[in-house]
């Protein structure tokens, strides 16, 4: 496993790292590695997404959303709720 030394960490940042480590009952190193992993995953997301072929649903997203909203409104008694005979 590699070792990484970081210099010139601002005091307030280091204190925040220590706080998260204390709260998580782990080491500062574990907090930093976890944060680096999350950030790299976030940065690499567009690249990973671009490698996947597009999914064709046969219908556009706006139509799917509109249909789901209508279903939800019916369940919740919204404006599209069918009227019941009096």
PDB file of N, CA and C in Angstrom:
ATOM      1  N   UNK A   1       0.849  -1.171   0.000  1.00  0.00           N
ATOM      2  CA  UNK A   1       0.000   0.000   0.000  1.00  0.00           C
ATOM      3  C   UNK A   1       0.895   1.235   0.000  1.00  0.00           C
ATOM      4  N   UNK A   2       0.501   2.239  -0.744  1.00  0.00           N
ATOM      5  CA  UNK A   2       1.289   3.465  -0.864  1.00  0.00           C
ATOM      6  C   UNK A   2       1.055   4.386   0.331  1.00  0.00           C
ATOM      7  N   UNK A   3       2.017   5.258   0.542  1.00  0.00           N
ATOM      8  CA  UNK A   3       1.905   6.271   1.593  1.00  0.00           C
ATOM      9  C   UNK A   3       1.882   7.629   0.931  1.00  0.00           C
ATOM     10  N   UNK A   4       0.997   8.490   1.400  1.00  0.00           N
ATOM     11  CA  UNK A   4       0.869   9.837   0.861  1.00  0.00           C
ATOM     12  C   UNK A   4       1.051  10.832   1.994  1.00  0.00           C
ATOM     13  N   UNK A   5       2.003  11.721   1.847  1.00  0.00           N
ATOM     14  CA  UNK A   5       2.213  12.787   2.831  1.00  0.00           C
ATOM     15  C   UNK A   5       1.674  14.081   2.247  1.00  0.00           C
ATOM     16  N   UNK A   6       0.899  14.782   3.030  1.00  0.00           N
ATOM     17  CA  UNK A   6       0.312  16.045   2.565  1.00  0.00           C
ATOM     18  C   UNK A   6       0.823  17.157   3.450  1.00  0.00           C
ATOM     19  N   UNK A   7       1.345  18.205   2.816  1.00  0.00           N
ATOM     20  CA  UNK A   7       1.869  19.337   3.564  1.00  0.00           C
ATOM     21  C   UNK A   7       0.926  20.521   3.461  1.00  0.00           C
ATOM     22  N   UNK A   8       1.066  21.422   4.405  1.00  0.00           N
ATOM     23  CA  UNK A   8       0.372  22.712   4.384  1.00  0.00           C
ATOM     24  C   UNK A   8      -1.149  22.582   4.399  1.00  0.00           C
ATOM     25  N   UNK A   9      -1.652  21.661   5.181  1.00  0.00           N
ATOM     26  CA  UNK A   9      -3.098  21.542   5.359  1.00  0.00           C
ATOM     27  C   UNK A   9      -3.536  22.674   6.288  1.00  0.00           C
ATOM     28  N   UNK A  10      -4.488  23.477   5.888  1.00  0.00           N
ATOM     29  CA  UNK A  10      -4.964  24.551   6.773  1.00  0.00           C
ATOM     30  C   UNK A  10      -5.457  23.965   8.100  1.00  0.00           C
ATOM     31  N   UNK A  11      -5.171  24.678   9.175  1.00  0.00           N
ATOM     32  CA  UNK A  11      -5.533  24.199  10.511  1.00  0.00           C
ATOM     33  C   UNK A  11      -7.017  23.894  10.635  1.00  0.00           C
ATOM     34  N   UNK A  12      -7.873  24.761  10.079  1.00  0.00           N
ATOM     35  CA  UNK A  12      -9.309  24.532  10.207  1.00  0.00           C
ATOM     36  C   UNK A  12      -9.738  23.264   9.468  1.00  0.00           C
ATOM     37  N   UNK A  13      -9.124  22.975   8.325  1.00  0.00           N
ATOM     38  CA  UNK A  13      -9.436  21.754   7.589  1.00  0.00           C
ATOM     39  C   UNK A  13      -8.995  20.534   8.393  1.00  0.00           C
ATOM     40  N   UNK A  14      -7.817  20.592   8.967  1.00  0.00           N
ATOM     41  CA  UNK A  14      -7.326  19.468   9.757  1.00  0.00           C
ATOM     42  C   UNK A  14      -8.228  19.224  10.973  1.00  0.00           C
ATOM     43  N   UNK A  15      -8.695  20.288  11.592  1.00  0.00           N
ATOM     44  CA  UNK A  15      -9.593  20.130  12.740  1.00  0.00           C
ATOM     45  C   UNK A  15     -10.909  19.487  12.322  1.00  0.00           C
ATOM     46  N   UNK A  16     -11.402  19.860  11.154  1.00  0.00           N
ATOM     47  CA  UNK A  16     -12.622  19.228  10.644  1.00  0.00           C
ATOM     48  C   UNK A  16     -12.393  17.747  10.390  1.00  0.00           C
ATOM     49  N   UNK A  17     -11.244  17.391   9.827  1.00  0.00           N
ATOM     50  CA  UNK A  17     -10.908  15.982   9.600  1.00  0.00           C
ATOM     51  C   UNK A  17     -10.850  15.219  10.924  1.00  0.00           C
ATOM     52  N   UNK A  18     -10.224  15.830  11.912  1.00  0.00           N
ATOM     53  CA  UNK A  18     -10.119  15.195  13.232  1.00  0.00           C
ATOM     54  C   UNK A  18     -11.500  15.001  13.851  1.00  0.00           C
ATOM     55  N   UNK A  19     -12.366  15.991  13.678  1.00  0.00           N
ATOM     56  CA  UNK A  19     -13.723  15.892  14.224  1.00  0.00           C
ATOM     57  C   UNK A  19     -14.483  14.728  13.589  1.00  0.00           C
ATOM     58  N   UNK A  20     -14.409  14.621  12.255  1.00  0.00           N
ATOM     59  CA  UNK A  20     -15.086  13.516  11.574  1.00  0.00           C
ATOM     60  C   UNK A  20     -14.501  12.179  12.001  1.00  0.00           C
ATOM     61  N   UNK A  21     -13.202  12.124  12.190  1.00  0.00           N
ATOM     62  CA  UNK A  21     -12.564  10.887  12.634  1.00  0.00           C
ATOM     63  C   UNK A  21     -13.059  10.509  14.026  1.00  0.00           C
ATOM     64  N   UNK A  22     -13.105  11.487  14.915  1.00  0.00           N
ATOM     65  CA  UNK A  22     -13.583  11.236  16.278  1.00  0.00           C
ATOM     66  C   UNK A  22     -15.028  10.748  16.259  1.00  0.00           C
ATOM     67  N   UNK A  23     -15.872  11.453  15.506  1.00  0.00           N
ATOM     68  CA  UNK A  23     -17.293  11.091  15.434  1.00  0.00           C
ATOM     69  C   UNK A  23     -17.498   9.720  14.803  1.00  0.00           C
ATOM     70  N   UNK A  24     -16.633   9.367  13.854  1.00  0.00           N
ATOM     71  CA  UNK A  24     -16.755   8.082  13.177  1.00  0.00           C
ATOM     72  C   UNK A  24     -15.950   6.981  13.827  1.00  0.00           C
ATOM     73  N   UNK A  25     -15.294   7.324  14.954  1.00  0.00           N
ATOM     74  CA  UNK A  25     -14.482   6.348  15.672  1.00  0.00           C
ATOM     75  C   UNK A  25     -13.460   5.695  14.743  1.00  0.00           C
ATOM     76  N   UNK A  26     -12.761   6.530  13.983  1.00  0.00           N
ATOM     77  CA  UNK A  26     -11.736   6.041  13.066  1.00  0.00           C
ATOM     78  C   UNK A  26     -10.576   7.034  13.047  1.00  0.00           C
ATOM     79  N   UNK A  27      -9.601   6.762  12.215  1.00  0.00           N
ATOM     80  CA  UNK A  27      -8.425   7.626  12.146  1.00  0.00           C
ATOM     81  C   UNK A  27      -8.625   8.738  11.125  1.00  0.00           C
ATOM     82  N   UNK A  28      -7.801   9.767  11.246  1.00  0.00           N
ATOM     83  CA  UNK A  28      -7.819  10.844  10.262  1.00  0.00           C
ATOM     84  C   UNK A  28      -7.476  10.277   8.888  1.00  0.00           C
ATOM     85  N   UNK A  29      -6.537   9.345   8.838  1.00  0.00           N
ATOM     86  CA  UNK A  29      -6.164   8.723   7.561  1.00  0.00           C
ATOM     87  C   UNK A  29      -7.360   8.046   6.908  1.00  0.00           C
ATOM     88  N   UNK A  30      -8.165   7.342   7.699  1.00  0.00           N
ATOM     89  CA  UNK A  30      -9.349   6.676   7.144  1.00  0.00           C
ATOM     90  C   UNK A  30     -10.356   7.689   6.603  1.00  0.00           C
ATOM     91  N   UNK A  31     -10.517   8.798   7.304  1.00  0.00           N
ATOM     92  CA  UNK A  31     -11.435   9.842   6.841  1.00  0.00           C
ATOM     93  C   UNK A  31     -10.929  10.422   5.522  1.00  0.00           C
ATOM     94  N   UNK A  32      -9.640  10.681   5.430  1.00  0.00           N
ATOM     95  CA  UNK A  32      -9.062  11.275   4.216  1.00  0.00           C
ATOM     96  C   UNK A  32      -9.186  10.307   3.045  1.00  0.00           C
ATOM     97  N   UNK A  33      -8.860   9.033   3.255  1.00  0.00           N
ATOM     98  CA  UNK A  33      -8.962   8.047   2.170  1.00  0.00           C
ATOM     99  C   UNK A  33     -10.408   7.935   1.696  1.00  0.00           C
ATOM    100  N   UNK A  34     -11.343   7.898   2.634  1.00  0.00           N
ATOM    101  CA  UNK A  34     -12.756   7.822   2.275  1.00  0.00           C
ATOM    102  C   UNK A  34     -13.184   9.049   1.468  1.00  0.00           C
ATOM    103  N   UNK A  35     -12.764  10.230   1.901  1.00  0.00           N
ATOM    104  CA  UNK A  35     -13.113  11.467   1.193  1.00  0.00           C
ATOM    105  C   UNK A  35     -12.497  11.488  -0.206  1.00  0.00           C
ATOM    106  N   UNK A  36     -11.264  11.038  -0.323  1.00  0.00           N
ATOM    107  CA  UNK A  36     -10.617  10.992  -1.642  1.00  0.00           C
ATOM    108  C   UNK A  36     -11.342  10.015  -2.570  1.00  0.00           C
ATOM    109  N   UNK A  37     -11.717   8.857  -2.039  1.00  0.00           N
ATOM    110  CA  UNK A  37     -12.445   7.886  -2.864  1.00  0.00           C
ATOM    111  C   UNK A  37     -13.767   8.459  -3.362  1.00  0.00           C
ATOM    112  N   UNK A  38     -14.535   9.097  -2.459  1.00  0.00           N
ATOM    113  CA  UNK A  38     -15.824   9.691  -2.864  1.00  0.00           C
ATOM    114  C   UNK A  38     -15.625  10.771  -3.918  1.00  0.00           C
ATOM    115  N   UNK A  39     -14.633  11.615  -3.721  1.00  0.00           N
ATOM    116  CA  UNK A  39     -14.408  12.707  -4.671  1.00  0.00           C
ATOM    117  C   UNK A  39     -13.966  12.179  -6.033  1.00  0.00           C
ATOM    118  N   UNK A  40     -13.096  11.181  -6.043  1.00  0.00           N
ATOM    119  CA  UNK A  40     -12.673  10.610  -7.321  1.00  0.00           C
ATOM    120  C   UNK A  40     -13.835   9.922  -8.026  1.00  0.00           C
ATOM    121  N   UNK A  41     -14.691   9.227  -7.279  1.00  0.00           N
ATOM    122  CA  UNK A  41     -15.871   8.616  -7.897  1.00  0.00           C
ATOM    123  C   UNK A  41     -16.771   9.682  -8.508  1.00  0.00           C
ATOM    124  N   UNK A  42     -16.932  10.799  -7.806  1.00  0.00           N
ATOM    125  CA  UNK A  42     -17.752  11.897  -8.324  1.00  0.00           C
ATOM    126  C   UNK A  42     -17.136  12.476  -9.597  1.00  0.00           C
ATOM    127  N   UNK A  43     -15.821  12.653  -9.598  1.00  0.00           N
ATOM    128  CA  UNK A  43     -15.147  13.220 -10.770  1.00  0.00           C
ATOM    129  C   UNK A  43     -15.160  12.254 -11.954  1.00  0.00           C
ATOM    130  N   UNK A  44     -15.111  10.958 -11.671  1.00  0.00           N
ATOM    131  CA  UNK A  44     -15.057   9.951 -12.739  1.00  0.00           C
ATOM    132  C   UNK A  44     -16.436   9.561 -13.257  1.00  0.00           C
ATOM    133  N   UNK A  45     -17.500  10.003 -12.586  1.00  0.00           N
ATOM    134  CA  UNK A  45     -18.853   9.620 -12.975  1.00  0.00           C
ATOM    135  C   UNK A  45     -19.166   9.928 -14.443  1.00  0.00           C
ATOM    136  N   UNK A  46     -18.901  11.145 -14.944  1.00  0.00           N
ATOM    137  CA  UNK A  46     -19.227  11.411 -16.358  1.00  0.00           C
ATOM    138  C   UNK A  46     -18.495  10.460 -17.315  1.00  0.00           C
ATOM    139  N   UNK A  47     -17.262  10.122 -16.995  1.00  0.00           N
ATOM    140  CA  UNK A  47     -16.493   9.208 -17.842  1.00  0.00           C
ATOM    141  C   UNK A  47     -17.117   7.808 -17.834  1.00  0.00           C
ATOM    142  N   UNK A  48     -17.492   7.318 -16.655  1.00  0.00           N
ATOM    143  CA  UNK A  48     -18.125   5.993 -16.565  1.00  0.00           C
ATOM    144  C   UNK A  48     -19.474   5.992 -17.274  1.00  0.00           C
ATOM    145  N   UNK A  49     -20.227   7.056 -17.112  1.00  0.00           N
ATOM    146  CA  UNK A  49     -21.534   7.154 -17.755  1.00  0.00           C
ATOM    147  C   UNK A  49     -21.388   7.155 -19.274  1.00  0.00           C
ATOM    148  N   UNK A  50     -20.374   7.844 -19.786  1.00  0.00           N
ATOM    149  CA  UNK A  50     -20.171   7.927 -21.234  1.00  0.00           C
ATOM    150  C   UNK A  50     -19.837   6.566 -21.843  1.00  0.00           C
ATOM    151  N   UNK A  51     -19.295   5.651 -21.066  1.00  0.00           N
ATOM    152  CA  UNK A  51     -18.937   4.323 -21.585  1.00  0.00           C
ATOM    153  C   UNK A  51     -20.153   3.415 -21.739  1.00  0.00           C
ATOM    154  N   UNK A  52     -21.257   3.741 -21.083  1.00  0.00           N
ATOM    155  CA  UNK A  52     -22.454   2.914 -21.159  1.00  0.00           C
ATOM    156  C   UNK A  52     -23.277   3.293 -22.388  1.00  0.00           C
ATOM    157  N   UNK A  53     -23.819   2.294 -23.070  1.00  0.00           N
ATOM    158  CA  UNK A  53     -24.675   2.617 -24.216  1.00  0.00           C
ATOM    159  C   UNK A  53     -25.964   3.276 -23.730  1.00  0.00           C
ATOM    160  N   UNK A  54     -26.529   4.145 -24.547  1.00  0.00           N
ATOM    161  CA  UNK A  54     -27.781   4.787 -24.158  1.00  0.00           C
ATOM    162  C   UNK A  54     -28.910   3.746 -24.057  1.00  0.00           C
ATOM    163  N   UNK A  55     -29.852   4.025 -23.206  1.00  0.00           N
ATOM    164  CA  UNK A  55     -31.005   3.142 -23.041  1.00  0.00           C
ATOM    165  C   UNK A  55     -32.189   3.751 -23.771  1.00  0.00           C
ATOM    166  N   UNK A  56     -32.769   2.973 -24.653  1.00  0.00           N
ATOM    167  CA  UNK A  56     -33.931   3.451 -25.400  1.00  0.00           C
ATOM    168  C   UNK A  56     -35.188   2.910 -24.739  1.00  0.00           C
ATOM    169  N   UNK A  57     -36.011   3.808 -24.224  1.00  0.00           N
ATOM    170  CA  UNK A  57     -37.226   3.409 -23.523  1.00  0.00           C
ATOM    171  C   UNK A  57     -38.431   3.331 -24.451  1.00  0.00           C
ATOM    172  N   UNK A  58     -38.306   3.864 -25.644  1.00  0.00           N
ATOM    173  CA  UNK A  58     -39.422   3.852 -26.571  1.00  0.00           C
ATOM    174  C   UNK A  58     -40.403   4.984 -26.329  1.00  0.00           C
ATOM    175  N   UNK A  59     -40.123   5.803 -25.346  1.00  0.00           N
ATOM    176  CA  UNK A  59     -40.983   6.934 -25.013  1.00  0.00           C
ATOM    177  C   UNK A  59     -40.093   7.987 -24.363  1.00  0.00           C
ATOM    178  N   UNK A  60     -40.418   9.267 -24.567  1.00  0.00           N
ATOM    179  CA  UNK A  60     -39.536  10.289 -24.006  1.00  0.00           C
ATOM    180  C   UNK A  60     -39.770  10.473 -22.510  1.00  0.00           C
ATOM    181  N   UNK A  61     -38.758  10.958 -21.830  1.00  0.00           N
ATOM    182  CA  UNK A  61     -38.792  11.102 -20.373  1.00  0.00           C
ATOM    183  C   UNK A  61     -39.909  12.027 -19.916  1.00  0.00           C
ATOM    184  N   UNK A  62     -40.169  13.094 -20.643  1.00  0.00           N
ATOM    185  CA  UNK A  62     -41.218  14.041 -20.244  1.00  0.00           C
ATOM    186  C   UNK A  62     -42.583  13.350 -20.193  1.00  0.00           C
ATOM    187  N   UNK A  63     -42.857  12.472 -21.141  1.00  0.00           N
ATOM    188  CA  UNK A  63     -44.121  11.733 -21.160  1.00  0.00           C
ATOM    189  C   UNK A  63     -44.211  10.786 -19.970  1.00  0.00           C
ATOM    190  N   UNK A  64     -43.101  10.095 -19.678  1.00  0.00           N
ATOM    191  CA  UNK A  64     -43.083   9.191 -18.529  1.00  0.00           C
ATOM    192  C   UNK A  64     -43.339   9.950 -17.228  1.00  0.00           C
ATOM    193  N   UNK A  65     -42.724  11.102 -17.082  1.00  0.00           N
ATOM    194  CA  UNK A  65     -42.904  11.914 -15.875  1.00  0.00           C
ATOM    195  C   UNK A  65     -44.348  12.385 -15.765  1.00  0.00           C
ATOM    196  N   UNK A  66     -44.914  12.840 -16.880  1.00  0.00           N
ATOM    197  CA  UNK A  66     -46.301  13.310 -16.867  1.00  0.00           C
ATOM    198  C   UNK A  66     -47.255  12.181 -16.478  1.00  0.00           C
ATOM    199  N   UNK A  67     -47.014  10.988 -17.015  1.00  0.00           N
ATOM    200  CA  UNK A  67     -47.874   9.850 -16.673  1.00  0.00           C
ATOM    201  C   UNK A  67     -47.761   9.508 -15.190  1.00  0.00           C
ATOM    202  N   UNK A  68     -46.538   9.522 -14.675  1.00  0.00           N
ATOM    203  CA  UNK A  68     -46.341   9.203 -13.258  1.00  0.00           C
ATOM    204  C   UNK A  68     -46.990  10.251 -12.369  1.00  0.00           C
ATOM    205  N   UNK A  69     -46.942  11.513 -12.756  1.00  0.00           N
ATOM    206  CA  UNK A  69     -47.594  12.575 -11.975  1.00  0.00           C
ATOM    207  C   UNK A  69     -49.108  12.395 -11.971  1.00  0.00           C
ATOM    208  N   UNK A  70     -49.658  12.003 -13.118  1.00  0.00           N
ATOM    209  CA  UNK A  70     -51.104  11.757 -13.177  1.00  0.00           C
ATOM    210  C   UNK A  70     -51.495  10.610 -12.247  1.00  0.00           C
ATOM    211  N   UNK A  71     -50.697   9.526 -12.268  1.00  0.00           N
ATOM    212  CA  UNK A  71     -50.966   8.392 -11.373  1.00  0.00           C
ATOM    213  C   UNK A  71     -50.895   8.822  -9.910  1.00  0.00           C
ATOM    214  N   UNK A  72     -49.880   9.608  -9.580  1.00  0.00           N
ATOM    215  CA  UNK A  72     -49.722  10.079  -8.203  1.00  0.00           C
ATOM    216  C   UNK A  72     -50.901  10.951  -7.797  1.00  0.00           C
ATOM    217  N   UNK A  73     -51.304  11.857  -8.697  1.00  0.00           N
ATOM    218  CA  UNK A  73     -52.440  12.730  -8.394  1.00  0.00           C
ATOM    219  C   UNK A  73     -53.709  11.918  -8.155  1.00  0.00           C
ATOM    220  N   UNK A  74     -53.908  10.881  -8.940  1.00  0.00           N
ATOM    221  CA  UNK A  74     -55.081  10.034  -8.739  1.00  0.00           C
ATOM    222  C   UNK A  74     -55.032   9.360  -7.374  1.00  0.00           C
ATOM    223  N   UNK A  75     -53.858   8.870  -6.985  1.00  0.00           N
ATOM    224  CA  UNK A  75     -53.712   8.216  -5.680  1.00  0.00           C
ATOM    225  C   UNK A  75     -53.931   9.203  -4.534  1.00  0.00           C
ATOM    226  N   UNK A  76     -53.489  10.434  -4.715  1.00  0.00           N
ATOM    227  CA  UNK A  76     -53.580  11.431  -3.657  1.00  0.00           C
ATOM    228  C   UNK A  76     -54.867  12.238  -3.710  1.00  0.00           C
ATOM    229  N   UNK A  77     -55.697  11.973  -4.707  1.00  0.00           N
ATOM    230  CA  UNK A  77     -56.950  12.715  -4.815  1.00  0.00           C
ATOM    231  C   UNK A  77     -56.753  14.087  -5.422  1.00  0.00           C
ATOM    232  N   UNK A  78     -55.845  14.198  -6.365  1.00  0.00           N
ATOM    233  CA  UNK A  78     -55.532  15.481  -6.991  1.00  0.00           C
ATOM    234  C   UNK A  78     -56.560  15.887  -8.024  1.00  0.00           C
ATOM    235  N   UNK A  79     -56.220  16.888  -8.842  1.00  0.00           N
ATOM    236  CA  UNK A  79     -57.179  17.461  -9.788  1.00  0.00           C
ATOM    237  C   UNK A  79     -57.664  16.488 -10.851  1.00  0.00           C
ATOM    238  N   UNK A  80     -56.890  15.439 -11.161  1.00  0.00           N
ATOM    239  CA  UNK A  80     -57.308  14.483 -12.193  1.00  0.00           C
ATOM    240  C   UNK A  80     -58.124  13.341 -11.601  1.00  0.00           C
ATOM    241  N   UNK A  81     -58.469  13.455 -10.333  1.00  0.00           N
ATOM    242  CA  UNK A  81     -59.207  12.374  -9.667  1.00  0.00           C
ATOM    243  C   UNK A  81     -60.589  12.241 -10.298  1.00  0.00           C
ATOM    244  N   UNK A  82     -60.962  11.002 -10.621  1.00  0.00           N
ATOM    245  CA  UNK A  82     -62.281  10.820 -11.205  1.00  0.00           C
ATOM    246  C   UNK A  82     -63.362  11.188 -10.192  1.00  0.00           C
ATOM    247  N   UNK A  83     -64.396  11.828 -10.675  1.00  0.00           N
ATOM    248  CA  UNK A  83     -65.469  12.239  -9.752  1.00  0.00           C
ATOM    249  C   UNK A  83     -66.309  11.017  -9.386  1.00  0.00           C
ATOM    250  N   UNK A  84     -66.762  10.992  -8.132  1.00  0.00           N
ATOM    251  CA  UNK A  84     -67.595   9.900  -7.672  1.00  0.00           C
ATOM    252  C   UNK A  84     -69.042  10.369  -7.680  1.00  0.00           C
ATOM    253  N   UNK A  85     -69.957   9.486  -8.043  1.00  0.00           N
ATOM    254  CA  UNK A  85     -71.370   9.915  -8.065  1.00  0.00           C
ATOM    255  C   UNK A  85     -71.834  10.270  -6.656  1.00  0.00           C
ATOM    256  N   UNK A  86     -72.693  11.284  -6.560  1.00  0.00           N
ATOM    257  CA  UNK A  86     -73.196  11.752  -5.254  1.00  0.00           C
ATOM    258  C   UNK A  86     -74.364  10.957  -4.785  1.00  0.00           C
TER     259      UNK A  86
END
